[in-house]
Amino acid sequence: MYKNRNVFAYLSGLIVGHAAECARLKDSPLVFAHLRQALAYSGQYEKMLFGTDWPLAPVGPYLQFVRELIPESCHKDVFYRTVLRVFPKIAPLVG
């Protein structure tokens, strides 16, 4: 992402499992810290898009997992602004 301005990261498939498994992985210092470090290393939260691998992970628990993984100051980018930059034709649909 940092070398190519047209490359974005789609944050799906970071974890797989039912709600209890999502909670277990979120609370695992090794898994959570490793993912957080990898995302922070890129330093490009404005180039990340939220996505799920439903039905491999339930949407609600996966959304909460990503919310806690991404710094709160970057939530608008990851959950809203970046998708509008990548797919500008949907802007009228989301108001």
PDB file of N, CA and C in Angstrom:
ATOM      1  N   MET A   1       0.820  -1.189   0.000  1.00  0.00           N
ATOM      2  CA  MET A   1       0.000   0.000   0.000  1.00  0.00           C
ATOM      3  C   MET A   1       0.865   1.255   0.000  1.00  0.00           C
ATOM      4  N   TYR A   2       1.950   1.219   0.754  1.00  0.00           N
ATOM      5  CA  TYR A   2       2.748   2.433   0.866  1.00  0.00           C
ATOM      6  C   TYR A   2       3.552   2.723  -0.384  1.00  0.00           C
ATOM      7  N   LYS A   3       3.766   1.717  -1.237  1.00  0.00           N
ATOM      8  CA  LYS A   3       4.544   1.943  -2.455  1.00  0.00           C
ATOM      9  C   LYS A   3       3.683   2.286  -3.659  1.00  0.00           C
ATOM     10  N   ASN A   4       2.437   1.891  -3.638  1.00  0.00           N
ATOM     11  CA  ASN A   4       1.568   2.076  -4.798  1.00  0.00           C
ATOM     12  C   ASN A   4       0.291   2.787  -4.388  1.00  0.00           C
ATOM     13  N   ARG A   5       0.087   3.963  -4.925  1.00  0.00           N
ATOM     14  CA  ARG A   5      -1.059   4.770  -4.496  1.00  0.00           C
ATOM     15  C   ARG A   5      -2.404   4.165  -4.866  1.00  0.00           C
ATOM     16  N   ASN A   6      -2.427   3.229  -5.804  1.00  0.00           N
ATOM     17  CA  ASN A   6      -3.691   2.630  -6.216  1.00  0.00           C
ATOM     18  C   ASN A   6      -3.948   1.272  -5.547  1.00  0.00           C
ATOM     19  N   VAL A   7      -3.194   0.920  -4.521  1.00  0.00           N
ATOM     20  CA  VAL A   7      -3.376  -0.334  -3.809  1.00  0.00           C
ATOM     21  C   VAL A   7      -4.019  -0.057  -2.454  1.00  0.00           C
ATOM     22  N   PHE A   8      -5.071  -0.804  -2.157  1.00  0.00           N
ATOM     23  CA  PHE A   8      -5.810  -0.664  -0.911  1.00  0.00           C
ATOM     24  C   PHE A   8      -5.893  -2.030  -0.236  1.00  0.00           C
ATOM     25  N   ALA A   9      -6.135  -2.052   1.058  1.00  0.00           N
ATOM     26  CA  ALA A   9      -6.272  -3.298   1.818  1.00  0.00           C
ATOM     27  C   ALA A   9      -7.731  -3.478   2.224  1.00  0.00           C
ATOM     28  N   TYR A  10      -8.243  -4.655   1.943  1.00  0.00           N
ATOM     29  CA  TYR A  10      -9.606  -5.021   2.290  1.00  0.00           C
ATOM     30  C   TYR A  10      -9.526  -5.880   3.547  1.00  0.00           C
ATOM     31  N   LEU A  11     -10.075  -5.393   4.645  1.00  0.00           N
ATOM     32  CA  LEU A  11      -9.917  -6.045   5.934  1.00  0.00           C
ATOM     33  C   LEU A  11     -10.961  -7.130   6.163  1.00  0.00           C
ATOM     34  N   SER A  12     -10.925  -8.151   5.332  1.00  0.00           N
ATOM     35  CA  SER A  12     -11.795  -9.302   5.529  1.00  0.00           C
ATOM     36  C   SER A  12     -10.911 -10.514   5.784  1.00  0.00           C
ATOM     37  N   GLY A  13     -11.481 -11.511   6.401  1.00  0.00           N
ATOM     38  CA  GLY A  13     -10.761 -12.757   6.607  1.00  0.00           C
ATOM     39  C   GLY A  13      -9.637 -12.695   7.617  1.00  0.00           C
ATOM     40  N   LEU A  14      -9.620 -11.681   8.467  1.00  0.00           N
ATOM     41  CA  LEU A  14      -8.568 -11.622   9.482  1.00  0.00           C
ATOM     42  C   LEU A  14      -8.748 -12.716  10.521  1.00  0.00           C
ATOM     43  N   ILE A  15     -10.002 -13.053  10.806  1.00  0.00           N
ATOM     44  CA  ILE A  15     -10.326 -14.159  11.705  1.00  0.00           C
ATOM     45  C   ILE A  15     -11.518 -14.908  11.127  1.00  0.00           C
ATOM     46  N   VAL A  16     -11.660 -16.152  11.515  1.00  0.00           N
ATOM     47  CA  VAL A  16     -12.763 -16.985  11.046  1.00  0.00           C
ATOM     48  C   VAL A  16     -13.316 -17.740  12.245  1.00  0.00           C
ATOM     49  N   GLY A  17     -14.638 -17.831  12.320  1.00  0.00           N
ATOM     50  CA  GLY A  17     -15.262 -18.587  13.391  1.00  0.00           C
ATOM     51  C   GLY A  17     -16.536 -17.931  13.870  1.00  0.00           C
ATOM     52  N   HIS A  18     -17.212 -18.600  14.776  1.00  0.00           N
ATOM     53  CA  HIS A  18     -18.458 -18.076  15.350  1.00  0.00           C
ATOM     54  C   HIS A  18     -18.147 -16.986  16.363  1.00  0.00           C
ATOM     55  N   ALA A  19     -19.166 -16.428  16.967  1.00  0.00           N
ATOM     56  CA  ALA A  19     -18.993 -15.281  17.865  1.00  0.00           C
ATOM     57  C   ALA A  19     -18.030 -15.576  19.007  1.00  0.00           C
ATOM     58  N   ALA A  20     -18.134 -16.747  19.610  1.00  0.00           N
ATOM     59  CA  ALA A  20     -17.244 -17.089  20.727  1.00  0.00           C
ATOM     60  C   ALA A  20     -15.792 -17.172  20.259  1.00  0.00           C
ATOM     61  N   GLU A  21     -15.573 -17.684  19.072  1.00  0.00           N
ATOM     62  CA  GLU A  21     -14.215 -17.773  18.530  1.00  0.00           C
ATOM     63  C   GLU A  21     -13.662 -16.381  18.226  1.00  0.00           C
ATOM     64  N   CYS A  22     -14.498 -15.499  17.708  1.00  0.00           N
ATOM     65  CA  CYS A  22     -14.079 -14.112  17.462  1.00  0.00           C
ATOM     66  C   CYS A  22     -13.665 -13.447  18.770  1.00  0.00           C
ATOM     67  N   ALA A  23     -14.450 -13.665  19.824  1.00  0.00           N
ATOM     68  CA  ALA A  23     -14.125 -13.080  21.129  1.00  0.00           C
ATOM     69  C   ALA A  23     -12.824 -13.667  21.669  1.00  0.00           C
ATOM     70  N   ARG A  24     -12.633 -14.971  21.510  1.00  0.00           N
ATOM     71  CA  ARG A  24     -11.410 -15.612  21.992  1.00  0.00           C
ATOM     72  C   ARG A  24     -10.185 -15.043  21.285  1.00  0.00           C
ATOM     73  N   LEU A  25     -10.276 -14.894  19.972  1.00  0.00           N
ATOM     74  CA  LEU A  25      -9.145 -14.365  19.214  1.00  0.00           C
ATOM     75  C   LEU A  25      -8.893 -12.897  19.539  1.00  0.00           C
ATOM     76  N   LYS A  26      -9.964 -12.150  19.765  1.00  0.00           N
ATOM     77  CA  LYS A  26      -9.816 -10.743  20.132  1.00  0.00           C
ATOM     78  C   LYS A  26      -9.081 -10.610  21.460  1.00  0.00           C
ATOM     79  N   ASP A  27      -9.346 -11.534  22.359  1.00  0.00           N
ATOM     80  CA  ASP A  27      -8.725 -11.492  23.680  1.00  0.00           C
ATOM     81  C   ASP A  27      -7.360 -12.172  23.729  1.00  0.00           C
ATOM     82  N   SER A  28      -6.947 -12.778  22.626  1.00  0.00           N
ATOM     83  CA  SER A  28      -5.638 -13.427  22.577  1.00  0.00           C
ATOM     84  C   SER A  28      -4.564 -12.371  22.323  1.00  0.00           C
ATOM     85  N   PRO A  29      -3.655 -12.181  23.273  1.00  0.00           N
ATOM     86  CA  PRO A  29      -2.636 -11.146  23.068  1.00  0.00           C
ATOM     87  C   PRO A  29      -1.769 -11.401  21.841  1.00  0.00           C
ATOM     88  N   LEU A  30      -1.513 -12.645  21.522  1.00  0.00           N
ATOM     89  CA  LEU A  30      -0.655 -12.943  20.372  1.00  0.00           C
ATOM     90  C   LEU A  30      -1.338 -12.609  19.050  1.00  0.00           C
ATOM     91  N   VAL A  31      -2.568 -13.063  18.882  1.00  0.00           N
ATOM     92  CA  VAL A  31      -3.293 -12.827  17.619  1.00  0.00           C
ATOM     93  C   VAL A  31      -3.577 -11.348  17.443  1.00  0.00           C
ATOM     94  N   PHE A  32      -4.192 -10.736  18.441  1.00  0.00           N
ATOM     95  CA  PHE A  32      -4.611  -9.343  18.329  1.00  0.00           C
ATOM     96  C   PHE A  32      -3.411  -8.413  18.159  1.00  0.00           C
ATOM     97  N   ALA A  33      -2.374  -8.614  18.967  1.00  0.00           N
ATOM     98  CA  ALA A  33      -1.185  -7.757  18.885  1.00  0.00           C
ATOM     99  C   ALA A  33      -0.486  -7.917  17.539  1.00  0.00           C
ATOM    100  N   HIS A  34      -0.459  -9.134  17.026  1.00  0.00           N
ATOM    101  CA  HIS A  34       0.188  -9.376  15.731  1.00  0.00           C
ATOM    102  C   HIS A  34      -0.546  -8.637  14.612  1.00  0.00           C
ATOM    103  N   LEU A  35      -1.870  -8.742  14.591  1.00  0.00           N
ATOM    104  CA  LEU A  35      -2.645  -8.043  13.562  1.00  0.00           C
ATOM    105  C   LEU A  35      -2.529  -6.529  13.717  1.00  0.00           C
ATOM    106  N   ARG A  36      -2.622  -6.051  14.941  1.00  0.00           N
ATOM    107  CA  ARG A  36      -2.517  -4.607  15.179  1.00  0.00           C
ATOM    108  C   ARG A  36      -1.148  -4.090  14.724  1.00  0.00           C
ATOM    109  N   GLN A  37      -0.096  -4.836  15.011  1.00  0.00           N
ATOM    110  CA  GLN A  37       1.251  -4.435  14.593  1.00  0.00           C
ATOM    111  C   GLN A  37       1.364  -4.404  13.071  1.00  0.00           C
ATOM    112  N   ALA A  38       0.817  -5.407  12.403  1.00  0.00           N
ATOM    113  CA  ALA A  38       0.883  -5.452  10.937  1.00  0.00           C
ATOM    114  C   ALA A  38       0.153  -4.262  10.317  1.00  0.00           C
ATOM    115  N   LEU A  39      -1.012  -3.934  10.825  1.00  0.00           N
ATOM    116  CA  LEU A  39      -1.772  -2.808  10.285  1.00  0.00           C
ATOM    117  C   LEU A  39      -1.101  -1.478  10.608  1.00  0.00           C
ATOM    118  N   ALA A  40      -0.583  -1.357  11.816  1.00  0.00           N
ATOM    119  CA  ALA A  40       0.104  -0.122  12.198  1.00  0.00           C
ATOM    120  C   ALA A  40       1.376   0.065  11.376  1.00  0.00           C
ATOM    121  N   TYR A  41       2.042  -1.019  11.059  1.00  0.00           N
ATOM    122  CA  TYR A  41       3.273  -0.944  10.272  1.00  0.00           C
ATOM    123  C   TYR A  41       3.022  -0.288   8.920  1.00  0.00           C
ATOM    124  N   SER A  42       1.874  -0.590   8.333  1.00  0.00           N
ATOM    125  CA  SER A  42       1.562   0.018   7.034  1.00  0.00           C
ATOM    126  C   SER A  42       1.395   1.521   7.171  1.00  0.00           C
ATOM    127  N   GLY A  43       0.860   1.966   8.316  1.00  0.00           N
ATOM    128  CA  GLY A  43       0.667   3.391   8.551  1.00  0.00           C
ATOM    129  C   GLY A  43      -0.287   4.047   7.574  1.00  0.00           C
ATOM    130  N   GLN A  44      -1.130   3.262   6.963  1.00  0.00           N
ATOM    131  CA  GLN A  44      -1.988   3.772   5.895  1.00  0.00           C
ATOM    132  C   GLN A  44      -3.450   3.406   6.140  1.00  0.00           C
ATOM    133  N   TYR A  45      -3.972   3.736   7.296  1.00  0.00           N
ATOM    134  CA  TYR A  45      -5.362   3.394   7.597  1.00  0.00           C
ATOM    135  C   TYR A  45      -6.329   4.015   6.607  1.00  0.00           C
ATOM    136  N   GLU A  46      -5.958   5.139   6.000  1.00  0.00           N
ATOM    137  CA  GLU A  46      -6.844   5.772   5.014  1.00  0.00           C
ATOM    138  C   GLU A  46      -6.924   4.970   3.717  1.00  0.00           C
ATOM    139  N   LYS A  47      -6.154   3.894   3.617  1.00  0.00           N
ATOM    140  CA  LYS A  47      -6.210   3.023   2.442  1.00  0.00           C
ATOM    141  C   LYS A  47      -6.764   1.643   2.784  1.00  0.00           C
ATOM    142  N   MET A  48      -7.417   1.524   3.937  1.00  0.00           N
ATOM    143  CA  MET A  48      -8.000   0.256   4.362  1.00  0.00           C
ATOM    144  C   MET A  48      -9.514   0.337   4.310  1.00  0.00           C
ATOM    145  N   LEU A  49     -10.135  -0.747   3.871  1.00  0.00           N
ATOM    146  CA  LEU A  49     -11.593  -0.834   3.774  1.00  0.00           C
ATOM    147  C   LEU A  49     -12.085  -1.975   4.650  1.00  0.00           C
ATOM    148  N   PHE A  50     -13.147  -1.737   5.380  1.00  0.00           N
ATOM    149  CA  PHE A  50     -13.757  -2.804   6.161  1.00  0.00           C
ATOM    150  C   PHE A  50     -14.440  -3.785   5.225  1.00  0.00           C
ATOM    151  N   GLY A  51     -14.307  -5.049   5.527  1.00  0.00           N
ATOM    152  CA  GLY A  51     -15.010  -6.088   4.794  1.00  0.00           C
ATOM    153  C   GLY A  51     -15.125  -7.315   5.666  1.00  0.00           C
ATOM    154  N   THR A  52     -16.055  -8.176   5.346  1.00  0.00           N
ATOM    155  CA  THR A  52     -16.230  -9.409   6.122  1.00  0.00           C
ATOM    156  C   THR A  52     -16.055 -10.612   5.207  1.00  0.00           C
ATOM    157  N   ASP A  53     -15.899 -11.739   5.816  1.00  0.00           N
ATOM    158  CA  ASP A  53     -15.920 -13.006   5.090  1.00  0.00           C
ATOM    159  C   ASP A  53     -17.149 -13.806   5.518  1.00  0.00           C
ATOM    160  N   TRP A  54     -18.236 -13.073   5.771  1.00  0.00           N
ATOM    161  CA  TRP A  54     -19.467 -13.749   6.153  1.00  0.00           C
ATOM    162  C   TRP A  54     -19.798 -14.768   5.076  1.00  0.00           C
ATOM    163  N   PRO A  55     -20.164 -15.938   5.391  1.00  0.00           N
ATOM    164  CA  PRO A  55     -20.583 -16.489   6.682  1.00  0.00           C
ATOM    165  C   PRO A  55     -19.462 -17.171   7.464  1.00  0.00           C
ATOM    166  N   LEU A  56     -18.213 -16.991   7.080  1.00  0.00           N
ATOM    167  CA  LEU A  56     -17.109 -17.615   7.816  1.00  0.00           C
ATOM    168  C   LEU A  56     -16.895 -16.981   9.187  1.00  0.00           C
ATOM    169  N   ALA A  57     -17.353 -15.752   9.356  1.00  0.00           N
ATOM    170  CA  ALA A  57     -17.353 -15.070  10.655  1.00  0.00           C
ATOM    171  C   ALA A  57     -18.607 -14.217  10.704  1.00  0.00           C
ATOM    172  N   PRO A  58     -19.319 -14.197  11.828  1.00  0.00           N
ATOM    173  CA  PRO A  58     -20.534 -13.384  11.925  1.00  0.00           C
ATOM    174  C   PRO A  58     -20.192 -11.896  11.825  1.00  0.00           C
ATOM    175  N   VAL A  59     -21.035 -11.142  11.152  1.00  0.00           N
ATOM    176  CA  VAL A  59     -20.757  -9.736  10.862  1.00  0.00           C
ATOM    177  C   VAL A  59     -20.580  -8.911  12.137  1.00  0.00           C
ATOM    178  N   GLY A  60     -21.492  -9.010  13.089  1.00  0.00           N
ATOM    179  CA  GLY A  60     -21.427  -8.196  14.302  1.00  0.00           C
ATOM    180  C   GLY A  60     -20.128  -8.375  15.089  1.00  0.00           C
ATOM    181  N   PRO A  61     -19.794  -9.613  15.478  1.00  0.00           N
ATOM    182  CA  PRO A  61     -18.544  -9.812  16.206  1.00  0.00           C
ATOM    183  C   PRO A  61     -17.301  -9.444  15.387  1.00  0.00           C
ATOM    184  N   TYR A  62     -17.352  -9.668  14.079  1.00  0.00           N
ATOM    185  CA  TYR A  62     -16.209  -9.305  13.247  1.00  0.00           C
ATOM    186  C   TYR A  62     -16.062  -7.783  13.174  1.00  0.00           C
ATOM    187  N   LEU A  63     -17.172  -7.084  13.058  1.00  0.00           N
ATOM    188  CA  LEU A  63     -17.157  -5.623  13.059  1.00  0.00           C
ATOM    189  C   LEU A  63     -16.552  -5.096  14.359  1.00  0.00           C
ATOM    190  N   GLN A  64     -16.958  -5.671  15.486  1.00  0.00           N
ATOM    191  CA  GLN A  64     -16.406  -5.261  16.780  1.00  0.00           C
ATOM    192  C   GLN A  64     -14.911  -5.551  16.853  1.00  0.00           C
ATOM    193  N   PHE A  65     -14.491  -6.681  16.309  1.00  0.00           N
ATOM    194  CA  PHE A  65     -13.075  -7.042  16.292  1.00  0.00           C
ATOM    195  C   PHE A  65     -12.267  -5.992  15.542  1.00  0.00           C
ATOM    196  N   VAL A  66     -12.736  -5.601  14.365  1.00  0.00           N
ATOM    197  CA  VAL A  66     -12.012  -4.610  13.564  1.00  0.00           C
ATOM    198  C   VAL A  66     -12.059  -3.241  14.227  1.00  0.00           C
ATOM    199  N   ARG A  67     -13.182  -2.877  14.838  1.00  0.00           N
ATOM    200  CA  ARG A  67     -13.267  -1.595  15.560  1.00  0.00           C
ATOM    201  C   ARG A  67     -12.196  -1.489  16.638  1.00  0.00           C
ATOM    202  N   GLU A  68     -11.968  -2.589  17.339  1.00  0.00           N
ATOM    203  CA  GLU A  68     -10.965  -2.573  18.402  1.00  0.00           C
ATOM    204  C   GLU A  68      -9.548  -2.667  17.846  1.00  0.00           C
ATOM    205  N   LEU A  69      -9.406  -3.210  16.674  1.00  0.00           N
ATOM    206  CA  LEU A  69      -8.095  -3.362  16.043  1.00  0.00           C
ATOM    207  C   LEU A  69      -7.585  -2.050  15.462  1.00  0.00           C
ATOM    208  N   ILE A  70      -8.494  -1.250  14.918  1.00  0.00           N
ATOM    209  CA  ILE A  70      -8.150   0.002  14.253  1.00  0.00           C
ATOM    210  C   ILE A  70      -8.261   1.157  15.248  1.00  0.00           C
ATOM    211  N   PRO A  71      -7.309   2.080  15.259  1.00  0.00           N
ATOM    212  CA  PRO A  71      -7.446   3.242  16.148  1.00  0.00           C
ATOM    213  C   PRO A  71      -8.757   3.997  15.866  1.00  0.00           C
ATOM    214  N   GLU A  72      -9.406   4.443  16.911  1.00  0.00           N
ATOM    215  CA  GLU A  72     -10.698   5.111  16.767  1.00  0.00           C
ATOM    216  C   GLU A  72     -10.616   6.323  15.845  1.00  0.00           C
ATOM    217  N   SER A  73      -9.505   7.016  15.866  1.00  0.00           N
ATOM    218  CA  SER A  73      -9.347   8.194  15.000  1.00  0.00           C
ATOM    219  C   SER A  73      -9.381   7.839  13.513  1.00  0.00           C
ATOM    220  N   CYS A  74      -9.250   6.563  13.180  1.00  0.00           N
ATOM    221  CA  CYS A  74      -9.237   6.118  11.777  1.00  0.00           C
ATOM    222  C   CYS A  74     -10.527   5.408  11.371  1.00  0.00           C
ATOM    223  N   HIS A  75     -11.487   5.290  12.268  1.00  0.00           N
ATOM    224  CA  HIS A  75     -12.721   4.557  11.964  1.00  0.00           C
ATOM    225  C   HIS A  75     -13.457   5.123  10.755  1.00  0.00           C
ATOM    226  N   LYS A  76     -13.574   6.444  10.648  1.00  0.00           N
ATOM    227  CA  LYS A  76     -14.313   7.018   9.514  1.00  0.00           C
ATOM    228  C   LYS A  76     -13.661   6.649   8.184  1.00  0.00           C
ATOM    229  N   ASP A  77     -12.345   6.596   8.155  1.00  0.00           N
ATOM    230  CA  ASP A  77     -11.665   6.184   6.925  1.00  0.00           C
ATOM    231  C   ASP A  77     -11.962   4.725   6.613  1.00  0.00           C
ATOM    232  N   VAL A  78     -11.709   3.843   7.568  1.00  0.00           N
ATOM    233  CA  VAL A  78     -11.830   2.409   7.337  1.00  0.00           C
ATOM    234  C   VAL A  78     -13.267   1.983   7.054  1.00  0.00           C
ATOM    235  N   PHE A  79     -14.222   2.572   7.747  1.00  0.00           N
ATOM    236  CA  PHE A  79     -15.616   2.140   7.614  1.00  0.00           C
ATOM    237  C   PHE A  79     -16.442   2.972   6.637  1.00  0.00           C
ATOM    238  N   TYR A  80     -15.889   4.074   6.091  1.00  0.00           N
ATOM    239  CA  TYR A  80     -16.726   4.928   5.251  1.00  0.00           C
ATOM    240  C   TYR A  80     -15.956   5.637   4.141  1.00  0.00           C
ATOM    241  N   ARG A  81     -15.019   6.490   4.488  1.00  0.00           N
ATOM    242  CA  ARG A  81     -14.385   7.360   3.488  1.00  0.00           C
ATOM    243  C   ARG A  81     -13.619   6.610   2.400  1.00  0.00           C
ATOM    244  N   THR A  82     -12.881   5.585   2.784  1.00  0.00           N
ATOM    245  CA  THR A  82     -12.059   4.875   1.802  1.00  0.00           C
ATOM    246  C   THR A  82     -12.911   4.193   0.750  1.00  0.00           C
ATOM    247  N   VAL A  83     -14.005   3.593   1.174  1.00  0.00           N
ATOM    248  CA  VAL A  83     -14.864   2.927   0.189  1.00  0.00           C
ATOM    249  C   VAL A  83     -15.422   3.928  -0.815  1.00  0.00           C
ATOM    250  N   LEU A  84     -15.699   5.153  -0.377  1.00  0.00           N
ATOM    251  CA  LEU A  84     -16.194   6.178  -1.299  1.00  0.00           C
ATOM    252  C   LEU A  84     -15.104   6.648  -2.255  1.00  0.00           C
ATOM    253  N   ARG A  85     -13.859   6.615  -1.813  1.00  0.00           N
ATOM    254  CA  ARG A  85     -12.749   6.964  -2.716  1.00  0.00           C
ATOM    255  C   ARG A  85     -12.515   5.869  -3.747  1.00  0.00           C
ATOM    256  N   VAL A  86     -12.621   4.610  -3.319  1.00  0.00           N
ATOM    257  CA  VAL A  86     -12.375   3.488  -4.225  1.00  0.00           C
ATOM    258  C   VAL A  86     -13.557   3.264  -5.166  1.00  0.00           C
ATOM    259  N   PHE A  87     -14.762   3.450  -4.657  1.00  0.00           N
ATOM    260  CA  PHE A  87     -15.988   3.233  -5.441  1.00  0.00           C
ATOM    261  C   PHE A  87     -16.833   4.509  -5.440  1.00  0.00           C
ATOM    262  N   PRO A  88     -16.402   5.553  -6.119  1.00  0.00           N
ATOM    263  CA  PRO A  88     -17.095   6.844  -6.038  1.00  0.00           C
ATOM    264  C   PRO A  88     -18.540   6.808  -6.548  1.00  0.00           C
ATOM    265  N   LYS A  89     -18.878   5.866  -7.393  1.00  0.00           N
ATOM    266  CA  LYS A  89     -20.248   5.817  -7.935  1.00  0.00           C
ATOM    267  C   LYS A  89     -21.284   5.451  -6.892  1.00  0.00           C
ATOM    268  N   ILE A  90     -20.872   4.925  -5.743  1.00  0.00           N
ATOM    269  CA  ILE A  90     -21.865   4.582  -4.709  1.00  0.00           C
ATOM    270  C   ILE A  90     -22.178   5.764  -3.794  1.00  0.00           C
ATOM    271  N   ALA A  91     -21.438   6.850  -3.901  1.00  0.00           N
ATOM    272  CA  ALA A  91     -21.656   8.006  -3.016  1.00  0.00           C
ATOM    273  C   ALA A  91     -23.114   8.463  -2.979  1.00  0.00           C
ATOM    274  N   PRO A  92     -23.806   8.581  -4.120  1.00  0.00           N
ATOM    275  CA  PRO A  92     -25.217   9.004  -4.046  1.00  0.00           C
ATOM    276  C   PRO A  92     -26.105   8.005  -3.311  1.00  0.00           C
ATOM    277  N   LEU A  93     -25.697   6.765  -3.242  1.00  0.00           N
ATOM    278  CA  LEU A  93     -26.510   5.740  -2.593  1.00  0.00           C
ATOM    279  C   LEU A  93     -26.389   5.744  -1.066  1.00  0.00           C
ATOM    280  N   VAL A  94     -25.293   6.279  -0.562  1.00  0.00           N
ATOM    281  CA  VAL A  94     -25.081   6.268   0.889  1.00  0.00           C
ATOM    282  C   VAL A  94     -25.287   7.633   1.526  1.00  0.00           C
ATOM    283  N   GLY A  95     -25.609   8.603   0.741  1.00  0.00           N
ATOM    284  CA  GLY A  95     -25.955   9.917   1.235  1.00  0.00           C
ATOM    285  C   GLY A  95     -24.846  10.631   1.838  1.00  0.00           C
TER     286      GLY A  95
END
